[in-house]
N, C-alpha and C. Protein backbone atom coordinates (compact mmCIF):
# COMPACT_ATOMS: atom_id res chain seq x y z
N LEU A 1 -5.94 302.96 103.78
CA LEU A 1 -7.06 302.56 103.42
C LEU A 1 -7.68 301.45 102.52
N GLY A 2 -8.07 300.33 103.54
CA GLY A 2 -8.78 299.22 102.60
C GLY A 2 -9.72 298.50 102.95
N ASP A 3 -9.50 297.10 102.32
CA ASP A 3 -10.79 296.63 102.98
C ASP A 3 -10.17 294.98 103.98
N SER A 4 -10.78 293.89 103.66
CA SER A 4 -10.47 293.16 104.84
C SER A 4 -8.99 292.49 104.75
N LEU A 5 -8.81 292.79 103.99
CA LEU A 5 -6.67 292.11 103.09
C LEU A 5 -6.25 292.83 104.37
N SER A 6 -6.43 294.54 104.79
CA SER A 6 -5.65 294.87 105.63
C SER A 6 -6.42 295.15 106.69
N ALA A 7 -7.66 294.99 106.75
CA ALA A 7 -8.59 294.69 108.68
C ALA A 7 -8.11 293.85 109.17
N GLY A 8 -7.38 292.74 108.94
CA GLY A 8 -6.82 291.70 110.02
C GLY A 8 -8.03 290.46 109.46
N TYR A 9 -9.01 290.92 108.80
CA TYR A 9 -9.89 289.69 108.68
C TYR A 9 -9.79 288.54 109.84
N GLY A 10 -10.30 288.29 110.26
CA GLY A 10 -10.16 286.59 111.03
C GLY A 10 -8.81 286.30 111.77
N MET A 11 -8.24 287.58 112.27
CA MET A 11 -7.33 287.45 113.25
C MET A 11 -6.61 288.32 114.23
N ASP A 12 -6.22 288.01 115.07
CA ASP A 12 -5.95 289.60 116.19
C ASP A 12 -5.42 290.41 115.39
N ARG A 13 -6.20 291.62 115.26
CA ARG A 13 -5.56 293.26 114.34
C ARG A 13 -4.03 293.31 114.74
N GLN A 14 -3.20 292.98 115.70
CA GLN A 14 -1.73 293.13 116.05
C GLN A 14 -1.41 292.10 115.08
N ASP A 15 -1.74 290.86 114.24
CA ASP A 15 -1.34 290.35 113.77
C ASP A 15 -1.14 290.47 112.27
N SER A 16 -1.49 291.86 111.83
CA SER A 16 -2.25 292.35 110.19
C SER A 16 -1.01 292.78 109.64
N TRP A 17 -0.63 292.79 108.69
CA TRP A 17 0.17 293.10 108.17
C TRP A 17 0.55 294.85 108.03
N VAL A 18 -0.38 295.36 108.40
CA VAL A 18 -0.41 297.14 108.68
C VAL A 18 -0.35 297.22 110.11
N SER A 19 -0.27 296.09 110.98
CA SER A 19 -0.02 296.16 112.13
C SER A 19 2.11 295.54 112.65
N LEU A 20 2.21 295.02 111.55
CA LEU A 20 3.62 294.46 111.73
C LEU A 20 4.22 295.75 110.72
N LEU A 21 3.94 296.56 109.91
CA LEU A 21 4.11 297.61 108.96
C LEU A 21 4.73 298.70 110.31
N ASP A 22 3.75 298.76 111.34
CA ASP A 22 3.97 299.42 112.57
C ASP A 22 5.34 299.49 112.82
N LYS A 23 5.58 298.15 113.23
CA LYS A 23 6.34 297.29 114.14
C LYS A 23 7.78 297.74 113.01
N ARG A 24 7.89 297.44 111.67
CA ARG A 24 8.54 297.80 111.32
C ARG A 24 9.03 298.71 111.38
N LEU A 25 8.44 300.04 111.23
CA LEU A 25 8.86 301.65 111.02
C LEU A 25 9.71 301.61 112.01
N LYS A 26 9.08 301.30 113.14
CA LYS A 26 9.35 301.54 114.21
C LYS A 26 10.80 301.23 114.56
N GLU A 27 10.99 299.82 114.58
CA GLU A 27 12.27 299.13 114.27
C GLU A 27 13.76 299.65 112.85
N TYR A 28 12.95 300.31 112.22
CA TYR A 28 13.80 300.79 111.07
C TYR A 28 14.18 302.69 111.84
N LYS A 29 13.87 303.24 112.63
CA LYS A 29 13.91 304.07 113.20
C LYS A 29 12.90 305.35 112.51
N TYR A 30 11.50 304.91 111.42
CA TYR A 30 11.09 306.34 111.03
C TYR A 30 9.54 306.40 111.70
N ASP A 31 9.72 307.66 112.01
CA ASP A 31 8.93 309.06 112.68
C ASP A 31 7.57 308.76 112.23
N TYR A 32 6.77 308.00 111.59
CA TYR A 32 5.44 307.46 111.01
C TYR A 32 4.82 307.03 111.98
N LYS A 33 3.00 307.19 111.82
CA LYS A 33 2.26 307.11 112.98
C LYS A 33 1.34 306.60 111.89
N ILE A 34 0.99 304.93 112.28
CA ILE A 34 -0.02 304.01 111.04
C ILE A 34 -1.60 304.68 112.11
N LEU A 35 -2.73 304.63 110.57
CA LEU A 35 -3.65 304.78 111.23
C LEU A 35 -4.12 303.81 109.69
N ASN A 36 -4.90 302.58 110.51
CA ASN A 36 -5.53 302.09 110.10
C ASN A 36 -7.45 301.93 109.59
N SER A 37 -7.70 302.89 108.31
CA SER A 37 -8.71 302.78 108.07
C SER A 37 -9.47 301.80 107.38
N SER A 38 -8.98 300.48 107.41
CA SER A 38 -9.65 299.24 106.79
C SER A 38 -10.67 298.84 107.45
N ILE A 39 -11.68 298.52 106.16
CA ILE A 39 -12.63 297.71 106.77
C ILE A 39 -13.25 296.54 106.10
N SER A 40 -13.42 295.64 106.77
CA SER A 40 -14.13 294.13 105.92
C SER A 40 -15.01 294.65 105.38
N GLY A 41 -14.80 294.17 104.07
CA GLY A 41 -16.37 294.40 103.10
C GLY A 41 -16.48 295.72 102.33
N ASP A 42 -15.05 296.58 102.71
CA ASP A 42 -15.49 297.89 101.87
C ASP A 42 -14.92 297.83 100.11
N THR A 43 -15.76 298.86 100.14
CA THR A 43 -15.30 298.66 98.45
C THR A 43 -14.40 300.12 98.03
N THR A 44 -14.12 300.61 96.46
CA THR A 44 -13.65 301.47 96.65
C THR A 44 -14.93 302.87 96.60
N GLN A 45 -16.44 302.29 96.90
CA GLN A 45 -17.09 303.80 96.98
C GLN A 45 -17.32 303.88 98.31
N GLY A 46 -17.31 302.80 99.21
CA GLY A 46 -16.57 303.50 100.54
C GLY A 46 -15.70 303.99 101.12
N GLY A 47 -14.84 303.66 100.35
CA GLY A 47 -13.18 304.38 100.68
C GLY A 47 -13.10 305.87 99.83
N ILE A 48 -14.17 306.11 98.70
CA ILE A 48 -14.31 307.58 98.33
C ILE A 48 -15.10 308.68 99.41
N ALA A 49 -15.57 308.03 99.69
CA ALA A 49 -16.77 308.31 101.25
C ALA A 49 -16.29 308.71 102.49
N ARG A 50 -15.15 307.98 102.51
CA ARG A 50 -14.76 307.93 104.03
C ARG A 50 -13.04 308.47 103.76
N LEU A 51 -12.44 309.21 102.71
CA LEU A 51 -11.57 309.24 102.26
C LEU A 51 -11.18 310.94 102.87
N PRO A 52 -11.87 311.76 102.54
CA PRO A 52 -11.59 313.27 102.68
C PRO A 52 -12.13 313.43 104.01
N ARG A 53 -12.88 312.84 104.77
CA ARG A 53 -12.61 313.12 106.25
C ARG A 53 -11.26 312.86 107.00
N LEU A 54 -11.04 311.66 106.59
CA LEU A 54 -9.34 310.84 107.09
C LEU A 54 -8.35 311.83 106.39
N LEU A 55 -8.23 312.05 105.58
CA LEU A 55 -7.40 313.08 105.00
C LEU A 55 -7.12 314.72 105.64
N ASP A 56 -8.34 315.49 106.08
CA ASP A 56 -8.88 316.69 106.79
C ASP A 56 -8.24 316.29 107.80
N ARG A 57 -8.25 315.53 108.68
CA ARG A 57 -8.50 314.75 110.24
C ARG A 57 -6.75 314.66 110.54
N TYR A 58 -6.37 313.84 109.50
CA TYR A 58 -4.89 313.27 109.90
C TYR A 58 -3.83 313.89 108.94
N LYS A 59 -4.05 314.44 108.31
CA LYS A 59 -3.34 315.24 107.19
C LYS A 59 -1.60 314.05 107.15
N PRO A 60 -2.21 313.15 106.44
CA PRO A 60 -0.93 312.21 106.27
C PRO A 60 -0.04 312.23 104.82
N GLU A 61 1.01 311.96 105.07
CA GLU A 61 2.23 312.19 104.27
C GLU A 61 2.11 311.16 103.28
N ILE A 62 1.58 309.66 103.75
CA ILE A 62 1.64 308.53 102.76
C ILE A 62 -0.09 308.12 102.83
N VAL A 63 -0.48 307.43 102.01
CA VAL A 63 -1.49 307.37 101.67
C VAL A 63 -1.38 305.95 101.26
N ILE A 64 -1.86 304.77 101.46
CA ILE A 64 -1.68 303.27 101.62
C ILE A 64 -3.47 302.71 100.72
N ILE A 65 -3.50 302.77 99.47
CA ILE A 65 -4.85 303.15 99.05
C ILE A 65 -4.98 300.84 98.47
N GLU A 66 -5.58 299.93 99.96
CA GLU A 66 -5.64 298.62 99.57
C GLU A 66 -7.00 298.79 99.25
N LEU A 67 -7.67 298.69 98.25
CA LEU A 67 -9.32 298.98 97.54
C LEU A 67 -9.18 298.21 96.04
N GLY A 68 -10.62 297.66 96.15
CA GLY A 68 -10.74 297.29 95.03
C GLY A 68 -11.20 295.74 94.29
N GLY A 69 -10.47 295.28 95.46
CA GLY A 69 -10.65 293.61 95.73
C GLY A 69 -12.61 293.52 95.63
N ASN A 70 -13.04 293.69 96.43
CA ASN A 70 -14.80 293.47 96.68
C ASN A 70 -15.49 294.25 95.26
N ASP A 71 -15.05 294.98 94.77
CA ASP A 71 -15.74 295.72 93.98
C ASP A 71 -15.64 294.09 92.64
N GLY A 72 -14.58 294.23 92.44
CA GLY A 72 -14.32 293.11 91.40
C GLY A 72 -15.21 291.63 91.52
N LEU A 73 -15.06 291.28 93.03
CA LEU A 73 -15.75 290.30 93.00
C LEU A 73 -16.92 290.07 93.41
N ARG A 74 -17.69 291.18 93.04
CA ARG A 74 -19.04 291.78 93.14
C ARG A 74 -19.14 292.21 91.68
N GLY A 75 -18.41 292.26 90.60
CA GLY A 75 -18.79 292.62 89.33
C GLY A 75 -18.93 293.89 88.88
N ILE A 76 -18.45 294.83 89.83
CA ILE A 76 -18.69 295.82 89.60
C ILE A 76 -18.08 296.68 88.74
N ASN A 77 -18.56 297.48 87.62
CA ASN A 77 -18.17 298.12 86.28
C ASN A 77 -16.69 298.27 86.86
N PRO A 78 -15.32 297.90 86.10
CA PRO A 78 -14.14 298.32 86.71
C PRO A 78 -14.07 300.01 86.14
N ASP A 79 -14.93 300.79 84.93
CA ASP A 79 -14.86 301.51 84.73
C ASP A 79 -15.25 302.45 86.31
N VAL A 80 -16.26 302.28 87.26
CA VAL A 80 -16.43 302.55 88.70
C VAL A 80 -15.54 302.36 89.19
N THR A 81 -14.90 301.48 89.68
CA THR A 81 -13.78 301.35 90.29
C THR A 81 -12.38 302.31 90.07
N ARG A 82 -12.45 302.15 88.46
CA ARG A 82 -11.01 303.25 88.27
C ARG A 82 -11.27 304.57 88.92
N ASN A 83 -12.38 305.05 87.99
CA ASN A 83 -13.12 306.60 88.57
C ASN A 83 -12.98 306.42 90.10
N ASN A 84 -13.24 305.58 90.95
CA ASN A 84 -13.14 305.59 92.50
C ASN A 84 -11.73 305.92 93.11
N LEU A 85 -10.95 305.12 93.05
CA LEU A 85 -9.61 304.80 92.11
C LEU A 85 -8.82 306.16 92.37
N GLU A 86 -9.16 306.74 91.16
CA GLU A 86 -8.68 307.76 90.65
C GLU A 86 -9.40 309.32 91.50
N ARG A 87 -10.05 309.20 91.71
CA ARG A 87 -10.58 310.29 92.92
C ARG A 87 -10.03 310.15 94.47
N MET A 88 -9.38 309.10 94.56
CA MET A 88 -8.84 309.01 96.18
C MET A 88 -7.59 309.49 96.09
N ILE A 89 -7.01 309.13 94.59
CA ILE A 89 -5.90 309.27 94.09
C ILE A 89 -5.09 310.87 94.36
N ARG A 90 -6.64 311.72 93.66
CA ARG A 90 -6.12 312.69 93.47
C ARG A 90 -6.43 313.48 94.70
N GLN A 91 -7.60 313.46 95.35
CA GLN A 91 -7.62 313.92 96.68
C GLN A 91 -6.37 313.81 97.42
N SER A 92 -5.54 312.24 97.96
CA SER A 92 -4.52 312.38 98.60
C SER A 92 -3.39 313.30 98.27
N GLN A 93 -2.82 313.49 96.36
CA GLN A 93 -1.92 314.30 96.39
C GLN A 93 -2.26 315.39 96.18
N ASP A 94 -3.97 315.95 96.06
CA ASP A 94 -3.71 317.32 96.38
C ASP A 94 -3.37 317.95 97.46
N ARG A 95 -3.65 316.95 98.50
CA ARG A 95 -3.12 316.99 100.07
C ARG A 95 -1.25 316.71 100.15
N SER A 96 -0.57 316.95 99.06
CA SER A 96 0.60 316.53 99.20
C SER A 96 1.07 315.30 99.95
N ALA A 97 0.06 314.06 100.14
CA ALA A 97 0.44 313.14 100.58
C ALA A 97 1.30 311.86 99.34
N THR A 98 1.82 311.32 99.62
CA THR A 98 2.28 310.18 98.45
C THR A 98 1.23 308.96 98.57
N VAL A 99 1.05 308.69 97.39
CA VAL A 99 -0.05 307.23 97.25
C VAL A 99 0.73 306.17 96.90
N LEU A 100 0.42 305.02 97.60
CA LEU A 100 1.06 303.99 97.43
C LEU A 100 -0.23 302.97 96.79
N LEU A 101 -0.37 302.74 95.75
CA LEU A 101 -1.45 301.87 95.10
C LEU A 101 -1.36 300.08 94.95
N ALA A 102 -1.95 299.40 95.91
CA ALA A 102 -1.78 298.06 95.78
C ALA A 102 -2.57 297.36 95.09
N GLY A 103 -2.11 296.86 94.00
CA GLY A 103 -2.87 296.14 93.08
C GLY A 103 -3.63 295.03 93.63
N ILE A 104 -4.53 294.14 92.79
CA ILE A 104 -5.35 293.18 92.98
C ILE A 104 -5.85 292.54 91.89
N LYS A 105 -5.65 291.17 92.16
CA LYS A 105 -6.35 290.08 90.62
C LYS A 105 -7.03 289.58 90.90
N LEU A 106 -7.91 288.99 90.28
CA LEU A 106 -9.40 288.48 90.22
C LEU A 106 -9.35 286.74 90.16
N PRO A 107 -9.38 286.28 90.44
CA PRO A 107 -10.12 284.72 90.27
C PRO A 107 -10.06 284.58 88.43
N PRO A 108 -9.51 283.77 87.85
CA PRO A 108 -9.98 283.52 85.82
C PRO A 108 -11.65 283.58 86.03
N ASN A 109 -12.40 282.79 86.64
CA ASN A 109 -13.71 282.58 86.37
C ASN A 109 -14.24 283.71 86.39
N TYR A 110 -14.25 284.98 85.90
CA TYR A 110 -14.65 286.28 86.22
C TYR A 110 -14.42 286.86 84.48
N GLY A 111 -14.00 285.67 84.34
CA GLY A 111 -13.87 286.22 82.61
C GLY A 111 -12.62 287.02 82.58
N THR A 112 -12.29 286.70 80.51
CA THR A 112 -10.54 286.73 80.31
C THR A 112 -10.85 288.66 80.25
N VAL A 113 -12.07 289.06 79.18
CA VAL A 113 -12.19 290.52 79.33
C VAL A 113 -12.52 291.41 80.18
N TYR A 114 -13.42 291.18 81.46
CA TYR A 114 -13.74 291.29 83.14
C TYR A 114 -12.21 291.48 83.74
N VAL A 115 -11.61 290.42 83.75
CA VAL A 115 -10.41 290.09 84.66
C VAL A 115 -9.15 291.62 83.85
N GLN A 116 -9.28 291.28 82.56
CA GLN A 116 -8.27 292.17 81.97
C GLN A 116 -8.35 293.79 82.52
N GLU A 117 -9.73 294.27 82.38
CA GLU A 117 -10.39 295.37 82.34
C GLU A 117 -9.43 295.79 83.62
N PHE A 118 -10.01 295.12 85.01
CA PHE A 118 -9.75 295.19 86.05
C PHE A 118 -8.52 295.56 86.23
N GLU A 119 -8.09 294.44 86.36
CA GLU A 119 -6.57 294.73 86.58
C GLU A 119 -5.70 295.65 86.13
N SER A 120 -6.11 296.48 84.70
CA SER A 120 -5.02 297.42 84.14
C SER A 120 -5.56 298.08 84.73
N ILE A 121 -6.35 298.73 85.59
CA ILE A 121 -7.03 299.89 86.75
C ILE A 121 -6.09 300.61 87.08
N TYR A 122 -4.63 298.95 87.89
CA TYR A 122 -3.79 299.97 88.93
C TYR A 122 -2.43 300.26 88.27
N ALA A 123 -2.03 299.48 87.38
CA ALA A 123 -1.29 300.01 86.73
C ALA A 123 -0.77 301.14 85.90
N ASP A 124 -2.47 301.21 85.08
CA ASP A 124 -2.76 302.74 84.23
C ASP A 124 -2.47 303.65 85.31
N LEU A 125 -3.74 303.64 86.66
CA LEU A 125 -3.43 305.23 87.47
C LEU A 125 -1.77 304.85 88.02
N ALA A 126 -1.22 303.99 88.52
CA ALA A 126 -0.12 304.16 88.73
C ALA A 126 0.57 304.97 87.79
N ASP A 127 0.48 304.76 86.59
CA ASP A 127 1.24 305.73 85.44
C ASP A 127 0.94 306.81 85.14
N ASN A 128 -0.75 307.04 85.69
CA ASN A 128 -1.07 308.37 84.82
C ASN A 128 -0.57 309.40 86.01
N TYR A 129 -0.64 308.51 87.39
CA TYR A 129 -0.44 309.88 88.39
C TYR A 129 0.79 309.74 89.24
N ASN A 130 1.58 309.17 88.78
CA ASN A 130 2.72 308.93 89.09
C ASN A 130 2.88 308.59 90.85
N THR A 131 2.16 307.56 90.90
CA THR A 131 2.12 307.01 92.29
C THR A 131 3.11 305.63 92.44
N LEU A 132 3.49 304.72 93.78
CA LEU A 132 4.05 303.93 93.87
C LEU A 132 2.76 302.81 93.99
N LEU A 133 3.40 301.85 93.07
CA LEU A 133 2.24 300.40 92.97
C LEU A 133 3.26 299.16 93.39
N VAL A 134 2.14 298.40 94.29
CA VAL A 134 2.38 296.88 94.27
C VAL A 134 1.60 296.19 93.14
N PRO A 135 2.03 295.97 92.30
CA PRO A 135 1.40 295.32 91.27
C PRO A 135 0.12 294.07 91.63
N PHE A 136 0.79 293.98 92.38
CA PHE A 136 -0.05 292.36 93.01
C PHE A 136 -0.03 292.11 94.32
N PHE A 137 -0.76 292.46 95.29
CA PHE A 137 -0.44 292.86 96.88
C PHE A 137 -0.49 291.37 97.63
N MET A 138 -1.18 290.32 96.96
CA MET A 138 -1.47 289.32 97.53
C MET A 138 -0.43 288.23 96.58
N GLU A 139 0.83 288.68 96.06
CA GLU A 139 1.70 287.66 95.66
C GLU A 139 2.45 287.22 96.45
N GLY A 140 2.57 285.78 96.09
CA GLY A 140 3.12 284.93 97.32
C GLY A 140 2.23 284.39 97.91
N VAL A 141 1.13 284.79 98.37
CA VAL A 141 0.26 284.28 99.33
C VAL A 141 -1.40 283.73 99.39
N VAL A 142 -1.73 284.25 98.08
CA VAL A 142 -2.84 284.08 97.46
C VAL A 142 -3.01 282.21 97.14
N PHE A 143 -1.95 281.79 96.49
CA PHE A 143 -1.92 280.65 95.91
C PHE A 143 -0.39 280.05 96.54
N SER A 144 -0.54 280.26 97.80
CA SER A 144 -0.08 279.23 98.98
C SER A 144 -1.01 278.79 100.23
N PRO A 145 -1.73 277.96 100.04
CA PRO A 145 -2.33 277.34 101.07
C PRO A 145 -1.99 277.44 102.79
N GLN A 146 -0.92 277.50 102.69
CA GLN A 146 -0.22 277.70 104.32
C GLN A 146 -0.73 278.97 104.63
N PHE A 147 -0.32 279.91 103.61
CA PHE A 147 -0.86 281.29 103.89
C PHE A 147 -2.52 282.05 104.19
N MET A 148 -3.19 281.00 103.77
CA MET A 148 -4.30 281.41 103.66
C MET A 148 -5.27 280.58 104.60
N GLN A 149 -6.63 281.41 105.23
CA GLN A 149 -7.25 281.04 106.37
C GLN A 149 -8.59 280.13 105.42
N ALA A 150 -9.12 279.19 105.72
CA ALA A 150 -10.07 278.28 105.25
C ALA A 150 -11.32 278.34 104.29
N ASP A 151 -11.53 279.86 104.01
CA ASP A 151 -12.02 280.48 103.04
C ASP A 151 -11.51 280.36 101.94
N GLY A 152 -10.22 280.35 101.43
CA GLY A 152 -9.60 280.57 100.44
C GLY A 152 -9.40 281.89 99.86
N ILE A 153 -10.13 283.07 100.80
CA ILE A 153 -9.74 284.26 100.45
C ILE A 153 -8.98 285.65 100.96
N HIS A 154 -8.84 285.20 102.31
CA HIS A 154 -8.66 285.83 103.14
C HIS A 154 -7.08 284.92 103.86
N PRO A 155 -6.09 285.87 103.87
CA PRO A 155 -4.56 285.35 104.31
C PRO A 155 -4.53 285.57 105.79
N ASN A 156 -4.09 284.40 106.23
CA ASN A 156 -3.86 284.10 107.65
C ASN A 156 -2.79 284.85 108.52
N ALA A 157 -2.70 284.30 109.86
CA ALA A 157 -1.73 285.16 110.57
C ALA A 157 -0.10 285.08 110.06
N GLU A 158 0.24 283.76 108.98
CA GLU A 158 1.12 283.45 108.61
C GLU A 158 1.94 284.18 107.28
N GLY A 159 0.80 284.60 106.86
CA GLY A 159 0.64 285.41 105.24
C GLY A 159 0.82 286.92 105.96
N GLN A 160 0.44 286.97 106.62
CA GLN A 160 0.68 288.07 106.89
C GLN A 160 2.32 288.86 106.66
N PRO A 161 3.02 288.70 107.23
CA PRO A 161 4.32 289.02 106.80
C PRO A 161 4.67 288.63 105.28
N VAL A 162 4.37 288.44 104.72
CA VAL A 162 4.68 288.12 102.97
C VAL A 162 4.38 289.46 102.67
N LEU A 163 2.38 289.84 103.14
CA LEU A 163 1.87 290.96 102.44
C LEU A 163 3.00 292.21 102.72
N LEU A 164 3.39 292.11 104.46
CA LEU A 164 3.76 293.39 104.29
C LEU A 164 5.47 293.42 103.38
N ASP A 165 6.14 292.35 103.24
CA ASP A 165 6.85 292.38 102.54
C ASP A 165 6.81 292.70 100.64
N ASN A 166 5.87 292.57 100.59
CA ASN A 166 4.87 293.19 99.26
C ASN A 166 5.09 294.65 99.17
N VAL A 167 4.40 295.38 100.22
CA VAL A 167 4.15 296.40 100.40
C VAL A 167 5.66 297.43 100.59
N TRP A 168 6.60 296.58 101.49
CA TRP A 168 7.81 297.47 101.58
C TRP A 168 8.90 297.04 100.88
N GLU A 169 8.66 296.20 99.83
CA GLU A 169 9.81 296.32 98.65
C GLU A 169 9.22 298.09 97.93
N VAL A 170 8.12 297.88 97.88
CA VAL A 170 7.88 299.68 97.37
C VAL A 170 7.80 300.80 98.10
N LEU A 171 7.33 300.64 99.54
CA LEU A 171 7.46 301.60 100.03
C LEU A 171 8.66 301.73 100.51
N GLY A 172 9.57 300.98 101.20
CA GLY A 172 10.87 301.16 101.79
C GLY A 172 11.99 301.93 101.27
N PRO A 173 12.19 301.59 100.00
CA PRO A 173 13.58 302.81 99.21
C PRO A 173 12.20 304.10 98.88
N GLU A 174 11.13 304.36 98.78
CA GLU A 174 10.67 305.54 99.27
C GLU A 174 10.64 306.32 99.92
N LEU A 175 10.68 305.78 101.70
CA LEU A 175 11.18 305.86 102.72
C LEU A 175 12.16 306.28 102.74
N GLU A 176 13.12 305.96 101.89
CA GLU A 176 15.18 306.12 102.34
C GLU A 176 15.32 307.28 101.63
N THR A 177 14.52 307.85 100.74
CA THR A 177 14.70 309.08 99.95
C THR A 177 13.82 310.30 100.57
N GLY A 178 12.56 309.58 101.16
CA GLY A 178 11.71 310.42 101.82
C GLY A 178 10.57 311.08 101.13
N PRO A 179 9.13 311.24 101.31
CA PRO A 179 8.20 311.18 100.68
C PRO A 179 8.35 312.42 100.30
């Protein structure tokens, strides 16, 4: 469940990190089916609106939540983002799904207080709800121009394997022990 960073914005969808995750799962012979329910431009409000139907329909064992970046870029109150993410985590866990939360960071021009409030959301929720956490989903990508599209916001196809590795570093060990 994500936004443009997981929807493969500006590239062929099969080049996205989510498609690469599907390939890696097959390569390692894990019997998981991937459903990419990511929408470019989505916010946590959109995620909370869509998640219950997805949980009921697909009954996932693992839910990866990569949302919040658009909330931050739009200056949405961090308490709203926190509450929406918390509701998504609780809804997923209430249906016995393991949750992986993909943390997002904001550019410093949003102000120190806002950035700190926003960025603390992910670690706080991961601690409070015992979720898996990728501290900074865009680590190794966002400050590497060769991995970014011309807009400076979205990763290109070359950056997708790095995003996959960021997720796999947390998800891989969980799969070895079982959700």
